[in-house]
């Protein structure tokens, strides 16, 4: 009997999957590949049930003869081993980033004479409702909140980009690229105090209160499913911080990062150019401990941001603080630097890893932007945050457009700088 292979990456079976199996069965014995958790994450389909549960689900389907695990979005680990006579897939991967997967399959099949059979993609109201239900499930607080911890355990490095509105949240959520035969995307979103303030035309001095920050988070959460890390500035008064922890945890935020400074907040990019006061180790440790005591689940993370290198207090001070903050209960350490070279970040990470091999490390390579994610991961970094690039990209584009219209007294000349609005609104899902 001929052998057929198709890969599933779903937690919920709908008409489209059943149609794939029905069509595949016409060719011969059907093997389903269950995409692993790590591969699903790269495929923008975070699992809501375990791999074992997915295998049992696929095994229960009529027409399925066998289920195997596929460990990569690409089929390199399964086709050479199974050598199926046919690979069956929906025809929805012919264009866009997924076309790289299709090309990979065709190349692998050509090596021994296998064939690709494509089935018209099934899209009806039932499929639409099931897909929408799964997205809603992923956006629920109990699923979204714990996802950052899962990502840290499953990914070499968690790629995080700034979002300051529902639209930028959608960009973070839906941007997928093909690069060197692989698909890639962002894993999480960073809600920056700087960008939140800038978007409102206000200085970054904690002038935008927590209620306004929560509205931004809610706008983003309504249209996305990826985990959110909040820039919590200094955390404010300890008595206020404990309540904010409860609120953020209840909303489904995955983590808050607070910095060890006191007084009127000044952006770290100014370093020693402005007066900035670093909190004492004892006071900041007490704030962390109070926040950890207030939270109700083990999912939520409080990450301590250390400003010692920014304020030129030295490496030993930074390491001493990191050790103390972890002992106080911090779930991660963020180390910051204004230097163009990542050398002192590497030094801190290497020395920290000598005394602590497990606590997650977070960096924000705004100044030292030549460093790659692979280099950071090699020095023990778990989360990289691209903290303000979307905001900085938007501002010059908007300014140039406004200037062009003023100079020409019409909009024609600005058109070449603009994306068609139709392309923008396709990001937005309709219920």
Protein backbone atom coordinates (compact mmCIF):
# COMPACT_ATOMS: atom_id res chain seq x y z
CA UNK A 1 0.00 0.00 0.00
CA UNK A 2 1.18 3.54 -0.77
CA UNK A 3 2.08 5.73 2.19
CA UNK A 4 0.84 9.27 2.80
CA UNK A 5 2.11 11.92 5.21
CA UNK A 6 0.49 15.12 6.43
CA UNK A 7 1.37 17.37 9.36
CA UNK A 8 -1.11 18.83 11.86
CA UNK A 9 -0.41 21.81 14.11
CA UNK A 10 -3.77 22.20 15.82
CA UNK A 11 -5.35 21.62 19.22
CA UNK A 12 -8.87 21.56 17.75
CA UNK A 13 -10.04 19.45 14.81
CA UNK A 14 -12.42 21.04 12.31
CA UNK A 15 -13.83 20.32 8.83
CA UNK A 16 -10.61 21.30 7.11
CA UNK A 17 -8.54 18.72 8.98
CA UNK A 18 -11.13 16.00 8.38
CA UNK A 19 -11.14 16.84 4.67
CA UNK A 20 -7.33 16.53 4.53
CA UNK A 21 -7.54 13.06 6.08
CA UNK A 22 -10.34 12.02 3.70
CA UNK A 23 -8.33 13.13 0.66
CA UNK A 24 -5.11 11.62 2.00
CA UNK A 25 -6.82 8.25 2.55
CA UNK A 26 -7.52 8.04 -1.18
CA UNK A 27 -3.77 7.69 -1.78
CA UNK A 28 -2.99 5.05 0.85
CA UNK A 29 -2.05 4.54 4.51
CA UNK A 30 -2.12 7.87 6.39
CA UNK A 31 0.54 9.02 8.86
CA UNK A 32 -0.10 12.26 10.74
CA UNK A 33 2.82 14.34 12.00
CA UNK A 34 2.14 16.06 15.32
CA UNK A 35 4.20 19.25 15.35
CA UNK A 36 6.20 19.56 18.58
CA UNK A 37 5.66 22.37 21.07
CA UNK A 38 8.90 24.13 20.11
CA UNK A 39 8.00 24.00 16.44
CA UNK A 40 4.45 25.21 17.09
CA UNK A 41 5.77 28.32 18.81
CA UNK A 42 7.83 29.21 15.74
CA UNK A 43 4.71 28.59 13.67
CA UNK A 44 2.65 31.15 15.62
CA UNK A 45 0.43 28.44 17.11
CA UNK A 46 1.09 28.26 20.83
CA UNK A 47 -0.20 24.93 22.16
CA UNK A 48 -3.07 24.92 24.65
CA UNK A 49 -2.86 21.16 25.21
CA UNK A 50 0.21 18.96 25.61
CA UNK A 51 1.95 17.10 22.79
CA UNK A 52 0.78 13.81 24.31
CA UNK A 53 -2.82 15.03 24.22
CA UNK A 54 -2.46 16.15 20.60
CA UNK A 55 -1.07 12.73 19.64
CA UNK A 56 -4.05 10.99 21.27
CA UNK A 57 -6.42 13.41 19.54
CA UNK A 58 -4.95 12.67 16.11
CA UNK A 59 -4.85 8.90 16.77
CA UNK A 60 -8.59 8.96 17.53
CA UNK A 61 -9.50 10.33 14.10
CA UNK A 62 -11.05 7.98 11.58
CA UNK A 63 -8.71 7.25 8.67
CA UNK A 64 -5.48 7.84 10.60
CA UNK A 65 -3.16 4.82 10.69
CA UNK A 66 -0.21 6.27 12.58
CA UNK A 67 0.95 9.40 14.39
CA UNK A 68 4.59 10.54 14.67
CA UNK A 69 6.22 13.65 16.13
CA UNK A 70 7.58 16.28 13.73
CA UNK A 71 10.21 18.39 15.50
CA UNK A 72 10.57 21.21 12.99
CA UNK A 73 8.34 23.38 10.82
CA UNK A 74 10.41 22.15 7.93
CA UNK A 75 10.05 18.46 7.09
CA UNK A 76 13.76 17.56 7.15
CA UNK A 77 13.40 15.22 10.14
CA UNK A 78 10.47 13.18 8.82
CA UNK A 79 10.44 12.90 5.02
CA UNK A 80 13.96 11.39 4.69
CA UNK A 81 13.08 8.85 7.39
CA UNK A 82 9.52 7.94 6.33
CA UNK A 83 9.94 8.46 2.58
CA UNK A 84 6.17 8.74 2.02
CA UNK A 85 4.87 8.26 -1.50
CA UNK A 86 2.73 11.36 -1.03
CA UNK A 87 2.67 14.43 1.18
CA UNK A 88 -0.79 15.98 1.41
CA UNK A 89 -1.35 19.60 2.43
CA UNK A 90 -3.89 22.37 1.95
CA UNK A 91 -3.21 24.77 -0.93
CA UNK A 92 -3.02 27.77 1.43
CA UNK A 93 0.79 27.62 1.70
CA UNK A 94 1.55 28.57 -1.90
CA UNK A 95 2.15 32.24 -1.04
CA UNK A 96 3.60 34.21 1.84
CA UNK A 97 6.20 33.02 4.36
CA UNK A 98 4.76 29.48 4.41
CA UNK A 99 5.82 29.01 0.79
CA UNK A 100 9.32 28.29 2.19
CA UNK A 101 7.91 25.17 3.89
CA UNK A 102 6.27 24.09 0.63
CA UNK A 103 9.55 24.54 -1.26
CA UNK A 104 11.33 22.48 1.41
CA UNK A 105 8.83 19.63 1.02
CA UNK A 106 9.08 19.62 -2.78
CA UNK A 107 12.88 19.51 -2.60
CA UNK A 108 12.84 16.59 -0.15
CA UNK A 109 10.29 14.64 -2.23
CA UNK A 110 12.28 15.12 -5.44
CA UNK A 111 15.23 13.28 -3.90
CA UNK A 112 13.44 9.93 -4.13
CA UNK A 113 10.41 10.50 -6.39
CA UNK A 114 7.70 11.33 -3.86
CA UNK A 115 4.76 13.53 -4.82
CA UNK A 116 3.00 16.53 -3.29
CA UNK A 117 -0.81 16.52 -3.38
CA UNK A 118 -2.50 19.80 -2.49
CA UNK A 119 -6.09 19.98 -1.30
CA UNK A 120 -8.25 23.13 -1.65
CA UNK A 121 -8.24 24.93 1.67
CA UNK A 122 -11.48 24.54 3.60
CA UNK A 123 -12.89 27.77 4.98
CA UNK A 124 -16.49 27.99 6.13
CA UNK A 125 -18.38 29.43 9.08
CA UNK A 126 -17.69 26.38 11.23
CA UNK A 127 -13.93 26.58 10.57
CA UNK A 128 -13.98 30.33 11.16
CA UNK A 129 -15.74 29.90 14.52
CA UNK A 130 -13.34 27.21 15.68
CA UNK A 131 -10.29 29.27 14.68
CA UNK A 132 -11.74 32.29 16.49
CA UNK A 133 -12.51 30.19 19.58
CA UNK A 134 -8.92 28.97 19.71
CA UNK A 135 -7.56 32.53 19.45
CA UNK A 136 -9.88 33.62 22.23
CA UNK A 137 -8.65 30.75 24.38
CA UNK A 138 -5.04 31.77 23.81
CA UNK A 139 -5.88 35.35 24.82
CA UNK A 140 -7.46 34.32 28.12
CA UNK A 141 -5.46 35.45 31.21
CA UNK A 142 -4.72 31.95 32.51
CA UNK A 143 -3.20 30.90 29.17
CA UNK A 144 -1.43 34.14 28.25
CA UNK A 145 0.06 34.77 31.70
CA UNK A 146 2.02 31.51 31.96
CA UNK A 147 3.25 31.55 28.38
CA UNK A 148 6.39 33.60 29.04
CA UNK A 149 7.73 30.99 31.46
CA UNK A 150 6.99 28.29 28.89
CA UNK A 151 8.80 30.26 26.19
CA UNK A 152 11.88 30.72 28.37
CA UNK A 153 12.01 26.95 28.87
CA UNK A 154 11.45 26.10 25.20
CA UNK A 155 13.26 28.82 23.20
CA UNK A 156 16.97 29.60 22.92
CA UNK A 157 16.00 33.25 23.36
CA UNK A 158 12.60 34.95 23.68
CA UNK A 159 12.34 37.72 21.06
CA UNK A 160 10.27 40.62 22.38
CA UNK A 161 9.24 43.82 20.60
CA UNK A 162 7.67 47.01 21.86
CA UNK A 163 3.95 47.60 21.36
CA UNK A 164 2.16 50.78 22.44
CA UNK A 165 -1.29 50.35 20.85
CA UNK A 166 -3.65 47.78 19.44
CA UNK A 167 -2.21 48.31 15.95
CA UNK A 168 1.42 47.88 17.01
CA UNK A 169 0.28 44.85 19.01
CA UNK A 170 -1.10 43.36 15.79
CA UNK A 171 2.22 44.04 14.05
CA UNK A 172 4.02 42.20 16.85
CA UNK A 173 1.47 39.39 16.74
CA UNK A 174 1.26 38.81 12.99
CA UNK A 175 4.66 39.66 11.53
CA UNK A 176 6.18 36.43 10.22
CA UNK A 177 9.20 36.28 7.91
CA UNK A 178 10.96 33.60 5.93
CA UNK A 179 14.72 33.73 6.25
CA UNK A 180 17.19 31.14 5.02
CA UNK A 181 14.46 28.56 4.64
CA UNK A 182 13.00 29.10 8.11
CA UNK A 183 10.05 31.03 9.50
CA UNK A 184 10.56 33.48 12.34
CA UNK A 185 8.49 35.87 14.41
CA UNK A 186 8.39 37.68 17.75
CA UNK A 187 7.51 35.69 20.84
CA UNK A 188 6.30 38.40 23.22
CA UNK A 189 5.47 42.11 23.54
CA UNK A 190 7.02 44.84 25.67
CA UNK A 191 4.73 47.64 26.86
CA UNK A 192 7.25 50.43 27.37
CA UNK A 193 6.80 53.33 29.75
CA UNK A 194 8.83 55.50 27.38
CA UNK A 195 6.72 54.65 24.32
CA UNK A 196 3.44 54.80 26.25
CA UNK A 197 4.35 58.31 27.45
CA UNK A 198 5.65 59.41 24.04
CA UNK A 199 2.48 58.20 22.31
CA UNK A 200 0.55 60.54 24.61
CA UNK A 201 2.97 63.42 24.02
CA UNK A 202 4.15 63.38 27.64
CA UNK A 203 7.63 63.11 29.22
CA UNK A 204 8.89 59.77 30.47
CA UNK A 205 8.80 60.65 34.19
CA UNK A 206 6.03 58.27 35.36
CA UNK A 207 3.55 61.05 34.54
CA UNK A 208 1.26 58.55 32.77
CA UNK A 209 -0.46 56.82 35.68
CA UNK A 210 -1.10 53.10 36.04
CA UNK A 211 -4.75 53.43 35.01
CA UNK A 212 -3.66 54.80 31.64
CA UNK A 213 -0.99 52.11 31.33
CA UNK A 214 -3.63 49.46 31.98
CA UNK A 215 -5.82 50.88 29.21
CA UNK A 216 -2.92 50.47 26.78
CA UNK A 217 -2.43 46.89 27.92
CA UNK A 218 -6.13 46.19 27.52
CA UNK A 219 -6.16 47.63 23.98
CA UNK A 220 -3.29 45.32 23.05
CA UNK A 221 -4.78 42.29 24.81
CA UNK A 222 -8.09 42.62 23.00
CA UNK A 223 -6.49 41.91 19.61
CA UNK A 224 -3.48 39.70 20.42
CA UNK A 225 -2.55 36.43 22.13
CA UNK A 226 1.19 36.74 22.80
CA UNK A 227 2.55 37.30 26.32
CA UNK A 228 3.11 40.83 27.58
CA UNK A 229 6.01 42.16 29.64
CA UNK A 230 5.28 45.52 31.29
CA UNK A 231 7.83 48.24 31.90
CA UNK A 232 6.93 49.05 35.50
CA UNK A 233 9.45 51.90 35.95
CA UNK A 234 10.49 51.95 39.63
CA UNK A 235 7.37 50.11 40.75
CA UNK A 236 6.35 53.17 42.77
CA UNK A 237 5.65 52.89 46.47
CA UNK A 238 5.78 49.34 47.76
CA UNK A 239 2.25 49.73 49.12
CA UNK A 240 1.04 50.58 45.60
CA UNK A 241 3.22 48.01 43.86
CA UNK A 242 1.59 45.05 45.60
CA UNK A 243 -1.84 46.09 44.33
CA UNK A 244 -0.52 46.63 40.81
CA UNK A 245 0.99 43.14 40.86
CA UNK A 246 -2.42 41.67 41.66
CA UNK A 247 -4.05 43.72 38.89
CA UNK A 248 -1.49 42.80 36.25
CA UNK A 249 -1.62 39.14 37.24
CA UNK A 250 -5.41 39.11 37.02
CA UNK A 251 -5.34 40.73 33.56
CA UNK A 252 -2.98 38.08 32.23
CA UNK A 253 0.24 40.09 31.99
CA UNK A 254 3.19 37.69 32.15
CA UNK A 255 5.81 39.87 33.83
CA UNK A 256 6.63 43.30 35.17
CA UNK A 257 10.15 44.73 35.13
CA UNK A 258 10.97 47.29 37.81
CA UNK A 259 14.22 49.26 38.08
CA UNK A 260 16.23 49.87 41.25
CA UNK A 261 15.90 53.67 41.30
CA UNK A 262 13.98 56.10 43.47
CA UNK A 263 12.64 59.62 43.19
CA UNK A 264 11.52 61.34 40.00
CA UNK A 265 12.14 58.91 37.19
CA UNK A 266 14.61 59.95 34.48
CA UNK A 267 15.12 57.79 31.40
CA UNK A 268 18.17 55.54 31.62
CA UNK A 269 19.36 56.78 28.22
CA UNK A 270 20.50 59.96 30.02
CA UNK A 271 22.75 57.97 32.37
CA UNK A 272 24.81 60.27 34.60
CA UNK A 273 23.93 63.35 32.52
CA UNK A 274 20.97 63.89 34.84
CA UNK A 275 20.62 63.27 38.54
CA UNK A 276 19.35 59.73 39.18
CA UNK A 277 19.19 58.01 42.54
CA UNK A 278 19.67 54.27 42.86
CA UNK A 279 17.59 52.57 45.51
CA UNK A 280 19.31 50.72 48.32
CA UNK A 281 19.60 46.96 48.00
CA UNK A 282 17.54 46.54 51.17
CA UNK A 283 14.64 48.74 50.06
CA UNK A 284 14.44 47.31 46.56
CA UNK A 285 14.69 43.74 47.85
CA UNK A 286 11.81 44.45 50.22
CA UNK A 287 9.72 45.75 47.30
CA UNK A 288 10.41 42.59 45.29
CA UNK A 289 9.57 40.37 48.26
CA UNK A 290 6.31 42.25 48.89
CA UNK A 291 5.30 41.89 45.25
CA UNK A 292 6.04 38.16 45.23
CA UNK A 293 4.04 37.70 48.41
CA UNK A 294 1.06 39.51 46.87
CA UNK A 295 0.75 37.43 43.71
CA UNK A 296 -1.67 34.50 43.66
CA UNK A 297 -0.15 32.27 40.97
CA UNK A 298 3.30 30.95 40.15
CA UNK A 299 2.94 32.14 36.55
CA UNK A 300 3.51 35.87 37.02
CA UNK A 301 7.11 37.11 36.97
CA UNK A 302 8.71 40.07 38.76
CA UNK A 303 11.99 40.94 37.04
CA UNK A 304 14.53 43.24 38.68
CA UNK A 305 16.24 45.79 36.43
CA UNK A 306 19.71 46.81 37.61
CA UNK A 307 20.97 50.30 36.78
CA UNK A 308 24.51 49.98 38.18
CA UNK A 309 26.21 49.99 34.77
CA UNK A 310 24.08 52.90 33.54
CA UNK A 311 25.02 54.94 36.62
CA UNK A 312 28.67 53.84 36.43
CA UNK A 313 28.62 52.14 39.83
CA UNK A 314 30.68 49.22 38.56
CA UNK A 315 30.37 45.53 37.76
CA UNK A 316 30.68 44.31 41.35
CA UNK A 317 27.80 46.50 42.47
CA UNK A 318 25.65 45.12 39.64
CA UNK A 319 26.48 41.52 40.54
CA UNK A 320 25.93 42.11 44.26
CA UNK A 321 22.52 43.56 43.53
CA UNK A 322 21.61 40.74 41.16
CA UNK A 323 22.42 38.12 43.79
CA UNK A 324 20.45 39.99 46.46
CA UNK A 325 17.41 40.56 44.25
CA UNK A 326 17.24 36.89 43.27
CA UNK A 327 17.41 35.96 46.96
CA UNK A 328 14.52 38.39 47.57
CA UNK A 329 12.42 36.45 45.06
CA UNK A 330 13.04 38.14 41.68
CA UNK A 331 12.10 35.80 38.82
CA UNK A 332 14.64 37.35 36.48
CA UNK A 333 17.36 39.98 36.16
CA UNK A 334 17.50 42.71 33.54
CA UNK A 335 20.91 44.29 33.05
CA UNK A 336 21.13 47.57 31.16
CA UNK A 337 23.94 49.49 29.47
CA UNK A 338 24.32 52.71 27.46
CA UNK A 339 27.56 51.68 25.78
CA UNK A 340 27.78 50.99 22.06
CA UNK A 341 29.69 47.77 22.68
CA UNK A 342 28.05 44.76 24.36
CA UNK A 343 31.31 43.94 26.19
CA UNK A 344 30.16 44.92 29.69
CA UNK A 345 26.83 43.17 29.17
CA UNK A 346 28.69 40.00 28.17
CA UNK A 347 30.95 40.36 31.21
CA UNK A 348 28.00 40.73 33.57
CA UNK A 349 26.13 37.79 32.04
CA UNK A 350 29.19 35.51 32.15
CA UNK A 351 29.95 36.37 35.78
CA UNK A 352 26.29 36.07 36.80
CA UNK A 353 26.05 32.66 35.16
CA UNK A 354 29.03 31.50 37.23
CA UNK A 355 26.96 31.98 40.38
CA UNK A 356 23.45 31.43 38.99
CA UNK A 357 22.77 29.12 36.06
CA UNK A 358 18.98 29.23 36.08
CA UNK A 359 17.54 32.70 36.79
CA UNK A 360 16.43 34.26 33.47
CA UNK A 361 18.51 37.16 32.14
CA UNK A 362 16.95 40.02 30.13
CA UNK A 363 18.73 42.60 27.97
CA UNK A 364 17.60 45.60 25.91
CA UNK A 365 20.16 46.14 23.10
CA UNK A 366 19.14 49.69 22.18
CA UNK A 367 22.62 51.22 22.42
CA UNK A 368 24.66 48.09 21.68
CA UNK A 369 22.52 47.21 18.67
CA UNK A 370 25.20 45.38 16.69
CA UNK A 371 24.87 42.35 18.94
CA UNK A 372 22.92 39.36 17.61
CA UNK A 373 20.43 37.19 19.42
CA UNK A 374 22.75 34.20 18.97
CA UNK A 375 25.59 36.07 20.68
CA UNK A 376 23.36 37.07 23.57
CA UNK A 377 22.07 33.52 23.96
CA UNK A 378 25.66 32.22 24.03
CA UNK A 379 26.28 34.42 27.08
CA UNK A 380 23.21 33.09 28.91
CA UNK A 381 20.59 35.69 27.95
CA UNK A 382 17.01 34.39 27.89
CA UNK A 383 14.97 37.41 26.77
CA UNK A 384 15.91 40.16 24.32
CA UNK A 385 13.69 43.24 24.18
CA UNK A 386 13.58 45.56 21.16
CA UNK A 387 12.22 48.32 23.33
CA UNK A 388 11.30 51.29 21.15
CA UNK A 389 11.99 50.55 17.48
CA UNK A 390 8.37 50.66 16.27
CA UNK A 391 7.80 54.06 17.87
CA UNK A 392 11.08 55.41 16.48
CA UNK A 393 10.22 54.10 13.01
CA UNK A 394 6.78 55.73 13.01
CA UNK A 395 7.87 59.22 14.09
CA UNK A 396 10.19 60.13 11.16
CA UNK A 397 7.77 58.61 8.66
CA UNK A 398 4.87 60.69 9.98
CA UNK A 399 6.99 63.84 10.18
CA UNK A 400 8.21 63.46 6.60
CA UNK A 401 4.67 62.89 5.35
CA UNK A 402 3.39 65.99 7.15
CA UNK A 403 6.25 68.11 5.75
CA UNK A 404 5.64 66.83 2.20
CA UNK A 405 1.94 67.76 2.31
CA UNK A 406 2.77 71.22 3.65
CA UNK A 407 5.34 71.83 0.91
CA UNK A 408 3.21 70.61 -2.01
CA UNK A 409 -0.22 71.66 -0.73
CA UNK A 410 -1.61 68.28 -1.74
CA UNK A 411 -1.26 64.59 -0.82
CA UNK A 412 -0.05 63.14 -4.15
CA UNK A 413 3.68 63.40 -3.46
CA UNK A 414 3.26 61.73 -0.06
CA UNK A 415 1.58 58.68 -1.56
CA UNK A 416 4.83 56.90 -2.37
CA UNK A 417 5.66 56.90 1.36
CA UNK A 418 2.30 55.46 2.39
CA UNK A 419 0.99 51.94 2.70
CA UNK A 420 -2.49 51.42 1.18
CA UNK A 421 -5.02 51.49 3.98
CA UNK A 422 -6.46 48.23 2.70
CA UNK A 423 -3.18 46.52 3.57
CA UNK A 424 -3.34 47.94 7.09
CA UNK A 425 -6.90 46.92 7.84
CA UNK A 426 -6.24 43.34 6.73
CA UNK A 427 -4.34 43.03 10.03
CA UNK A 428 -7.60 43.60 11.87
CA UNK A 429 -9.82 40.57 12.39
CA UNK A 430 -13.54 40.92 11.92
CA UNK A 431 -15.81 38.94 14.22
